[in-house]
Amino acid sequence: MQIAQLLWTRQADPVEIARRGDCRAPQLVLVFAAPAWLREAATWRELQQRFPTATIVAGSTAGEIYDARVVDDSLVATAVQFDKTTLRQATISLAEAGSSRRAGEALIEQLSSPGLAHVFVLSDGLKVNGSELVAGLRDRLPEGVGLSGGLCADGPRFEQTHVCVDRFDADARVVALGFYGKDLRTGLGSLGGWDSFGPERRVTRAVGNVVYELDGKPALDLYEQYLGEHATGLPASGLLFPLMVRADRNQDGIVRTILAVDGIARSLTFAGDVPTGHFARLMRANFDRLVEGAAGAAHNCRETLAGQDPELAILISCVGRKLVLKQRIEEEVEAVQRVLGASPVLAGFYSYGEISPFASAARCELHNQTMTITTFSEH
């Protein structure tokens, strides 16, 4: 696997920031960028001139990751030339699909063929029901095939996200990359690091990812009560106080992030489903545990590689973690790098949701507020 990574900023011309081997004919270029970059025609002209034979898959972000750095308002392009692996891409409009679940099913139906080893997904981050998307992907995924990815972002604005293939596209889309070949090795890991507080409550009325009542009381009222002065900043401030959801008190929970609030209905819209009858509890940040969670995700990746060093690592971390860690944000990326070592090229972004199992053998889920890592190498 040969890799070249370039950085665009508003202050300087593009600069190469990482190289692995002689990447002259990449099949794939992964672009993670602030939304404004993807809306500019000049961006696509330059990318196509530099990488004329590659599939260019781009997603908007709430911050870009490379090496052990976290930057904003930039564009990071990671060109990958596989030696033994082939790939295909499938894309679908959420409006055309009719539902998020159907979008996931249709993407896997397009990609399913002998040799499929892994599927990596980038989705619109606001007009999708992430839980339903993952359910559709998972239901059609052949046994033994890995799945990971994330929901694209728009900084802390929550206005419009972009997923593009080879050109700018304003539609709400999902793109899936299929990787084929017996020589591809992938590692997967996803962990959080948030602390719970307040009583656990039952979800007494919810429809999909919209929660209307907790313990028979309006959901927004309870959130405002616990958030205090932070309530005026909803929905953005809700990133600092996600919700842990579980079917019963003997299960591990899945964390959900607020995407929107409805002051009239007094409801909360989350990035994934919060079913009626489940239990829910507020979470808040623990700085050290967030960094430890990132390192734990990296350890989960390494465990699946049987001693082989990864060559490429894609890091997708939640925008809520970035808002909490602030000037300490690079600590979680540094923690990942310490575990994975100097070998892999690191690329990634801050998201509105993460798609991954906790570890390779677990079931894939939509997560919020986690650091999710996908590593690639060729045997």
Protein backbone atom coordinates (compact mmCIF):
# COMPACT_ATOMS: atom_id res chain seq x y z
CA MET A 1 0.00 0.00 0.00
CA GLN A 2 1.42 3.36 -1.04
CA ILE A 3 0.09 6.64 0.31
CA ALA A 4 0.54 10.36 -0.29
CA GLN A 5 -1.18 12.94 1.91
CA LEU A 6 -1.58 16.65 1.15
CA LEU A 7 -2.85 19.61 3.16
CA TRP A 8 -4.62 22.70 1.80
CA THR A 9 -5.04 25.77 4.01
CA ARG A 10 -6.23 29.32 3.31
CA GLN A 11 -2.81 30.67 4.27
CA ALA A 12 -0.53 28.63 1.99
CA ASP A 13 -0.27 26.55 -1.17
CA PRO A 14 -0.90 22.79 -0.88
CA VAL A 15 1.88 20.92 0.89
CA GLU A 16 2.65 17.21 1.15
CA ILE A 17 2.46 16.19 4.80
CA ALA A 18 2.96 12.42 4.62
CA ARG A 19 4.20 9.82 2.18
CA ARG A 20 4.47 6.06 2.27
CA GLY A 21 6.16 4.54 -0.78
CA ASP A 22 5.83 5.88 -4.31
CA CYS A 23 2.14 6.73 -4.73
CA ARG A 24 1.97 7.52 -8.45
CA ALA A 25 -1.30 5.89 -9.48
CA PRO A 26 -3.76 5.99 -6.53
CA GLN A 27 -7.11 4.30 -6.99
CA LEU A 28 -8.67 6.26 -4.12
CA VAL A 29 -8.39 9.76 -2.67
CA LEU A 30 -10.14 10.36 0.65
CA VAL A 31 -10.82 14.05 1.24
CA PHE A 32 -11.86 15.43 4.62
CA ALA A 33 -12.49 19.17 4.57
CA ALA A 34 -14.36 22.08 6.05
CA PRO A 35 -17.67 22.43 4.12
CA ALA A 36 -16.71 25.63 2.30
CA TRP A 37 -13.81 23.90 0.53
CA LEU A 38 -16.14 21.33 -1.02
CA ARG A 39 -18.49 23.99 -2.36
CA GLU A 40 -15.71 25.67 -4.38
CA ALA A 41 -15.25 24.65 -8.02
CA ALA A 42 -11.53 25.40 -7.78
CA THR A 43 -11.13 22.66 -5.17
CA TRP A 44 -12.43 20.00 -7.54
CA ARG A 45 -10.43 21.27 -10.51
CA GLU A 46 -7.22 20.97 -8.53
CA LEU A 47 -8.05 17.57 -7.05
CA GLN A 48 -8.94 16.18 -10.48
CA GLN A 49 -5.76 17.59 -12.02
CA ARG A 50 -3.60 16.04 -9.30
CA PHE A 51 -5.41 12.69 -9.21
CA PRO A 52 -6.89 12.14 -12.70
CA THR A 53 -7.35 8.36 -12.41
CA ALA A 54 -8.54 8.11 -8.82
CA THR A 55 -12.02 7.98 -7.30
CA ILE A 56 -12.24 11.07 -5.10
CA VAL A 57 -14.53 10.60 -2.09
CA ALA A 58 -15.02 13.67 0.09
CA GLY A 59 -16.85 14.46 3.31
CA SER A 60 -17.40 17.70 5.22
CA THR A 61 -16.14 17.88 8.78
CA ALA A 62 -16.04 19.64 12.13
CA GLY A 63 -12.24 19.47 12.07
CA GLU A 64 -9.62 17.56 10.11
CA ILE A 65 -7.08 15.04 11.43
CA TYR A 66 -3.65 14.20 10.07
CA ASP A 67 -0.55 12.80 11.76
CA ALA A 68 -1.17 13.82 15.40
CA ARG A 69 -2.65 17.17 14.37
CA VAL A 70 -6.18 18.53 14.49
CA VAL A 71 -6.88 21.52 12.23
CA ASP A 72 -9.89 23.57 11.16
CA ASP A 73 -10.93 25.19 7.88
CA SER A 74 -8.53 23.03 5.90
CA LEU A 75 -8.65 20.21 3.36
CA VAL A 76 -6.70 16.99 3.85
CA ALA A 77 -6.45 14.65 0.85
CA THR A 78 -5.11 11.13 1.38
CA ALA A 79 -4.28 9.31 -1.87
CA VAL A 80 -4.02 5.52 -1.58
CA GLN A 81 -2.51 3.12 -4.10
CA PHE A 82 -3.38 -0.47 -3.25
CA ASP A 83 -1.02 -3.21 -4.37
CA LYS A 84 -3.35 -6.21 -4.00
CA THR A 85 -6.79 -4.76 -3.23
CA THR A 86 -9.47 -3.56 -5.63
CA LEU A 87 -12.31 -1.21 -4.77
CA ARG A 88 -15.72 -0.05 -5.96
CA GLN A 89 -17.93 2.77 -4.80
CA ALA A 90 -21.69 3.08 -4.57
CA THR A 91 -23.62 6.24 -3.80
CA ILE A 92 -27.27 6.99 -3.20
CA SER A 93 -29.44 10.01 -2.51
CA LEU A 94 -31.37 9.73 0.73
CA ALA A 95 -34.38 11.33 -0.95
CA GLU A 96 -34.31 8.79 -3.79
CA ALA A 97 -33.85 5.87 -1.39
CA GLY A 98 -36.99 6.79 0.53
CA SER A 99 -35.58 5.91 3.94
CA SER A 100 -32.22 5.64 5.66
CA ARG A 101 -32.63 1.88 6.12
CA ARG A 102 -33.36 1.38 2.43
CA ALA A 103 -30.33 3.51 1.53
CA GLY A 104 -28.11 1.17 3.54
CA GLU A 105 -29.66 -1.92 2.00
CA ALA A 106 -29.30 -0.56 -1.55
CA LEU A 107 -25.63 0.32 -1.07
CA ILE A 108 -24.69 -3.17 0.10
CA GLU A 109 -26.74 -4.71 -2.72
CA GLN A 110 -24.64 -2.73 -5.19
CA LEU A 111 -21.35 -3.77 -3.61
CA SER A 112 -22.00 -7.42 -2.73
CA SER A 113 -19.84 -9.70 -4.86
CA PRO A 114 -17.15 -12.34 -4.23
CA GLY A 115 -14.07 -11.08 -2.45
CA LEU A 116 -15.73 -8.21 -0.56
CA ALA A 117 -13.66 -7.71 2.60
CA HIS A 118 -14.71 -4.37 4.05
CA VAL A 119 -17.20 -1.54 3.51
CA PHE A 120 -16.40 2.03 4.54
CA VAL A 121 -19.30 4.51 4.60
CA LEU A 122 -19.59 8.30 4.61
CA SER A 123 -23.07 9.72 5.11
CA ASP A 124 -24.84 13.04 5.26
CA GLY A 125 -24.90 13.97 8.92
CA LEU A 126 -28.21 15.80 9.31
CA LYS A 127 -30.89 14.32 7.03
CA VAL A 128 -30.12 10.71 7.89
CA ASN A 129 -31.34 8.46 10.65
CA GLY A 130 -27.98 6.93 11.46
CA SER A 131 -29.37 3.95 13.35
CA GLU A 132 -31.61 2.99 10.45
CA LEU A 133 -28.78 3.46 7.95
CA VAL A 134 -26.53 1.11 9.92
CA ALA A 135 -29.36 -1.40 10.31
CA GLY A 136 -29.86 -1.46 6.55
CA LEU A 137 -26.16 -1.83 5.88
CA ARG A 138 -25.81 -4.57 8.48
CA ASP A 139 -28.86 -6.52 7.30
CA ARG A 140 -27.47 -6.94 3.78
CA LEU A 141 -23.78 -7.25 4.65
CA PRO A 142 -22.30 -10.67 3.81
CA GLU A 143 -21.04 -12.64 6.79
CA GLY A 144 -17.47 -11.86 7.76
CA VAL A 145 -17.32 -8.49 5.98
CA GLY A 146 -16.26 -5.50 8.08
CA LEU A 147 -18.19 -2.24 8.27
CA SER A 148 -17.16 1.22 9.48
CA GLY A 149 -17.47 4.92 8.66
CA GLY A 150 -19.11 8.08 9.91
CA LEU A 151 -21.62 10.89 9.52
CA CYS A 152 -20.24 14.04 7.96
CA ALA A 153 -20.35 17.34 9.79
CA ASP A 154 -20.69 21.10 9.46
CA GLY A 155 -18.57 22.31 12.36
CA PRO A 156 -20.82 23.28 15.28
CA ARG A 157 -23.39 24.87 12.93
CA PHE A 158 -25.68 21.89 12.12
CA GLU A 159 -26.88 23.52 8.89
CA GLN A 160 -25.70 21.43 5.89
CA THR A 161 -23.22 18.60 5.45
CA HIS A 162 -21.70 17.30 2.21
CA VAL A 163 -20.78 13.90 0.83
CA CYS A 164 -19.26 14.03 -2.66
CA VAL A 165 -17.78 11.68 -5.25
CA ASP A 166 -15.56 13.29 -7.92
CA ARG A 167 -17.51 16.58 -7.82
CA PHE A 168 -19.55 18.75 -5.49
CA ASP A 169 -23.07 17.48 -4.83
CA ALA A 170 -25.53 19.41 -2.67
CA ASP A 171 -27.91 16.45 -2.26
CA ALA A 172 -28.03 14.56 1.02
CA ARG A 173 -26.11 11.43 0.08
CA VAL A 174 -24.45 8.30 1.41
CA VAL A 175 -21.39 6.79 -0.27
CA ALA A 176 -20.02 3.34 0.42
CA LEU A 177 -16.58 2.08 -0.58
CA GLY A 178 -16.18 -1.64 -1.07
CA PHE A 179 -12.70 -3.14 -0.63
CA TYR A 180 -12.08 -6.53 -2.29
CA GLY A 181 -9.31 -9.07 -1.89
CA LYS A 182 -7.98 -11.75 0.45
CA ASP A 183 -4.82 -9.78 1.24
CA LEU A 184 -6.55 -6.83 2.94
CA ARG A 185 -6.33 -6.69 6.73
CA THR A 186 -8.52 -4.31 8.71
CA GLY A 187 -8.69 -3.43 12.39
CA LEU A 188 -11.69 -1.81 14.08
CA GLY A 189 -12.16 -0.10 17.44
CA SER A 190 -14.51 2.42 19.03
CA LEU A 191 -14.62 3.71 22.61
CA GLY A 192 -15.97 6.75 24.45
CA GLY A 193 -14.94 7.87 27.92
CA TRP A 194 -17.93 9.84 29.24
CA ASP A 195 -19.28 9.75 32.80
CA SER A 196 -22.98 9.40 33.60
CA PHE A 197 -24.82 11.67 36.03
CA GLY A 198 -28.33 12.12 37.31
CA PRO A 199 -30.95 9.36 37.56
CA GLU A 200 -31.57 6.83 34.83
CA ARG A 201 -34.94 7.48 33.23
CA ARG A 202 -37.27 5.48 31.02
CA VAL A 203 -38.06 6.69 27.51
CA THR A 204 -41.85 6.88 27.70
CA ARG A 205 -42.56 8.37 24.27
CA ALA A 206 -40.31 8.41 21.22
CA VAL A 207 -40.64 7.99 17.47
CA GLY A 208 -37.44 6.84 15.78
CA ASN A 209 -34.74 9.32 16.78
CA VAL A 210 -37.16 11.91 18.22
CA VAL A 211 -37.73 11.71 21.99
CA TYR A 212 -40.85 13.39 23.36
CA GLU A 213 -41.02 12.17 26.95
CA LEU A 214 -38.69 10.80 29.63
CA ASP A 215 -40.45 9.40 32.70
CA GLY A 216 -43.68 10.88 31.35
CA LYS A 217 -42.26 14.43 31.28
CA PRO A 218 -41.32 16.54 28.24
CA ALA A 219 -37.79 15.55 27.20
CA LEU A 220 -36.65 19.10 26.48
CA ASP A 221 -37.87 20.26 29.91
CA LEU A 222 -35.70 17.68 31.67
CA TYR A 223 -32.68 18.48 29.53
CA GLU A 224 -33.02 22.20 30.26
CA GLN A 225 -33.36 21.45 33.98
CA TYR A 226 -30.07 19.52 34.08
CA LEU A 227 -28.13 21.72 31.68
CA GLY A 228 -28.89 24.93 33.56
CA GLU A 229 -27.09 27.86 31.93
CA HIS A 230 -25.93 25.59 29.09
CA ALA A 231 -29.56 25.12 27.98
CA THR A 232 -29.60 28.45 26.13
CA GLY A 233 -27.01 27.04 23.70
CA LEU A 234 -29.06 24.02 22.59
CA PRO A 235 -28.73 22.09 20.35
CA ALA A 236 -24.97 22.82 20.10
CA SER A 237 -24.44 22.72 23.88
CA GLY A 238 -26.13 19.31 23.92
CA LEU A 239 -22.91 17.94 22.43
CA LEU A 240 -21.39 18.39 25.87
CA PHE A 241 -24.18 16.35 27.48
CA PRO A 242 -25.03 13.29 25.37
CA LEU A 243 -27.52 10.61 26.33
CA MET A 244 -26.59 7.01 27.17
CA VAL A 245 -29.32 4.62 26.00
CA ARG A 246 -29.77 0.92 26.74
CA ALA A 247 -32.57 -1.62 26.45
CA ASP A 248 -32.22 -2.80 30.04
CA ARG A 249 -30.04 -2.05 33.04
CA ASN A 250 -27.89 -5.15 32.53
CA GLN A 251 -26.64 -4.03 29.10
CA ASP A 252 -23.89 -1.69 28.00
CA GLY A 253 -25.30 1.54 26.63
CA ILE A 254 -24.93 3.34 23.32
CA VAL A 255 -24.32 7.09 23.43
CA ARG A 256 -26.57 9.42 21.45
CA THR A 257 -25.96 13.06 20.53
CA ILE A 258 -28.59 15.79 20.14
CA LEU A 259 -29.03 17.12 16.59
CA ALA A 260 -32.05 19.40 17.10
CA VAL A 261 -34.65 20.61 19.58
CA ASP A 262 -38.31 21.50 19.06
CA GLY A 263 -39.42 24.20 21.48
CA ILE A 264 -43.09 23.71 20.63
CA ALA A 265 -43.25 19.91 20.88
CA ARG A 266 -40.64 20.03 23.70
CA SER A 267 -38.81 17.20 21.96
CA LEU A 268 -35.20 16.26 21.27
CA THR A 269 -33.90 14.83 17.98
CA PHE A 270 -30.86 12.56 18.27
CA ALA A 271 -28.37 11.25 15.72
CA GLY A 272 -29.71 7.71 16.15
CA ASP A 273 -32.79 5.90 17.41
CA VAL A 274 -33.85 6.12 21.06
CA PRO A 275 -36.63 3.52 21.36
CA THR A 276 -39.64 3.85 23.63
CA GLY A 277 -39.20 1.65 26.71
CA HIS A 278 -35.40 1.94 26.76
CA PHE A 279 -33.52 3.52 29.64
CA ALA A 280 -31.64 6.80 29.23
CA ARG A 281 -29.16 8.72 31.33
CA LEU A 282 -27.27 11.97 30.82
CA MET A 283 -23.51 11.92 30.31
CA ARG A 284 -20.82 14.53 30.81
CA ALA A 285 -17.13 14.84 30.01
CA ASN A 286 -14.20 13.40 31.87
CA PHE A 287 -11.09 14.78 30.15
CA ASP A 288 -8.71 11.98 31.07
CA ARG A 289 -11.20 9.24 30.27
CA LEU A 290 -11.88 10.72 26.82
CA VAL A 291 -8.18 10.43 25.98
CA GLU A 292 -8.04 6.95 27.51
CA GLY A 293 -11.04 5.97 25.36
CA ALA A 294 -9.19 7.00 22.19
CA ALA A 295 -6.20 4.89 23.21
CA GLY A 296 -8.50 1.97 24.01
CA ALA A 297 -10.02 2.12 20.52
CA ALA A 298 -6.50 1.92 19.07
CA HIS A 299 -5.70 -1.11 21.24
CA ASN A 300 -8.84 -2.84 19.94
CA CYS A 301 -7.60 -2.27 16.38
CA ARG A 302 -4.16 -3.70 17.07
CA GLU A 303 -5.59 -6.84 18.66
CA THR A 304 -7.20 -7.84 15.36
CA LEU A 305 -4.08 -7.37 13.23
CA ALA A 306 -2.14 -10.33 14.69
CA GLY A 307 1.07 -8.37 15.04
CA GLN A 308 0.97 -6.78 11.58
CA ASP A 309 1.56 -3.03 11.52
CA PRO A 310 -1.26 -0.97 10.00
CA GLU A 311 -0.42 1.14 6.97
CA LEU A 312 -3.39 3.53 6.99
CA ALA A 313 -5.56 4.55 9.95
CA ILE A 314 -8.81 6.48 9.53
CA LEU A 315 -9.86 8.25 12.74
CA ILE A 316 -13.44 9.48 13.13
CA SER A 317 -14.15 11.25 16.41
CA CYS A 318 -17.29 13.09 17.51
CA VAL A 319 -17.53 16.87 17.37
CA GLY A 320 -18.72 16.75 20.98
CA ARG A 321 -15.34 15.43 22.09
CA LYS A 322 -13.66 18.30 20.25
CA LEU A 323 -15.85 20.89 21.96
CA VAL A 324 -15.05 19.38 25.36
CA LEU A 325 -11.31 18.84 24.95
CA LYS A 326 -10.74 22.24 23.25
CA GLN A 327 -7.02 23.06 23.40
CA ARG A 328 -6.34 19.51 24.58
CA ILE A 329 -7.94 17.98 21.49
CA GLU A 330 -4.68 16.72 19.99
CA GLU A 331 -4.10 14.61 23.10
CA GLU A 332 -6.61 12.00 21.92
CA VAL A 333 -4.97 11.78 18.49
CA GLU A 334 -1.54 11.55 20.09
CA ALA A 335 -2.83 8.73 22.30
CA VAL A 336 -3.93 6.82 19.20
CA GLN A 337 -0.59 7.41 17.51
CA ARG A 338 1.33 6.10 20.53
CA VAL A 339 -0.60 2.84 20.37
CA LEU A 340 -0.52 2.37 16.59
CA GLY A 341 3.11 3.44 16.27
CA ALA A 342 4.88 5.44 13.59
CA SER A 343 4.02 3.10 10.72
CA PRO A 344 0.51 4.14 9.63
CA VAL A 345 -0.48 7.35 7.89
CA LEU A 346 -3.26 8.94 9.97
CA ALA A 347 -6.25 10.67 8.39
CA GLY A 348 -9.68 11.51 9.69
CA PHE A 349 -12.24 14.04 10.85
CA TYR A 350 -14.64 15.16 13.58
CA SER A 351 -18.13 13.91 12.86
CA TYR A 352 -21.81 13.91 13.78
CA GLY A 353 -21.76 10.12 14.33
CA GLU A 354 -19.44 7.12 14.12
CA ILE A 355 -20.14 3.74 12.49
CA SER A 356 -18.19 0.83 13.94
CA PRO A 357 -18.28 -2.13 16.28
CA PHE A 358 -16.53 -1.61 19.61
CA ALA A 359 -14.06 -4.22 18.34
CA SER A 360 -13.82 -6.34 15.19
CA ALA A 361 -15.80 -9.30 16.55
CA ALA A 362 -18.69 -7.16 17.89
CA ARG A 363 -21.84 -6.00 16.12
CA CYS A 364 -21.56 -2.76 14.16
CA GLU A 365 -23.57 0.15 15.55
CA LEU A 366 -24.01 3.88 15.16
CA HIS A 367 -22.16 5.61 17.98
CA ASN A 368 -21.94 9.18 19.15
CA GLN A 369 -19.20 10.77 21.22
CA THR A 370 -16.67 8.02 20.49
CA MET A 371 -13.28 7.83 18.84
CA THR A 372 -13.62 5.26 16.06
CA ILE A 373 -10.60 3.86 14.22
CA THR A 374 -10.36 1.78 11.05
CA THR A 375 -6.91 0.50 10.09
CA PHE A 376 -5.91 -0.95 6.73
CA SER A 377 -2.91 -2.98 5.65
CA GLU A 378 -2.13 -5.48 2.92
CA HIS A 379 -0.68 -8.86 3.79
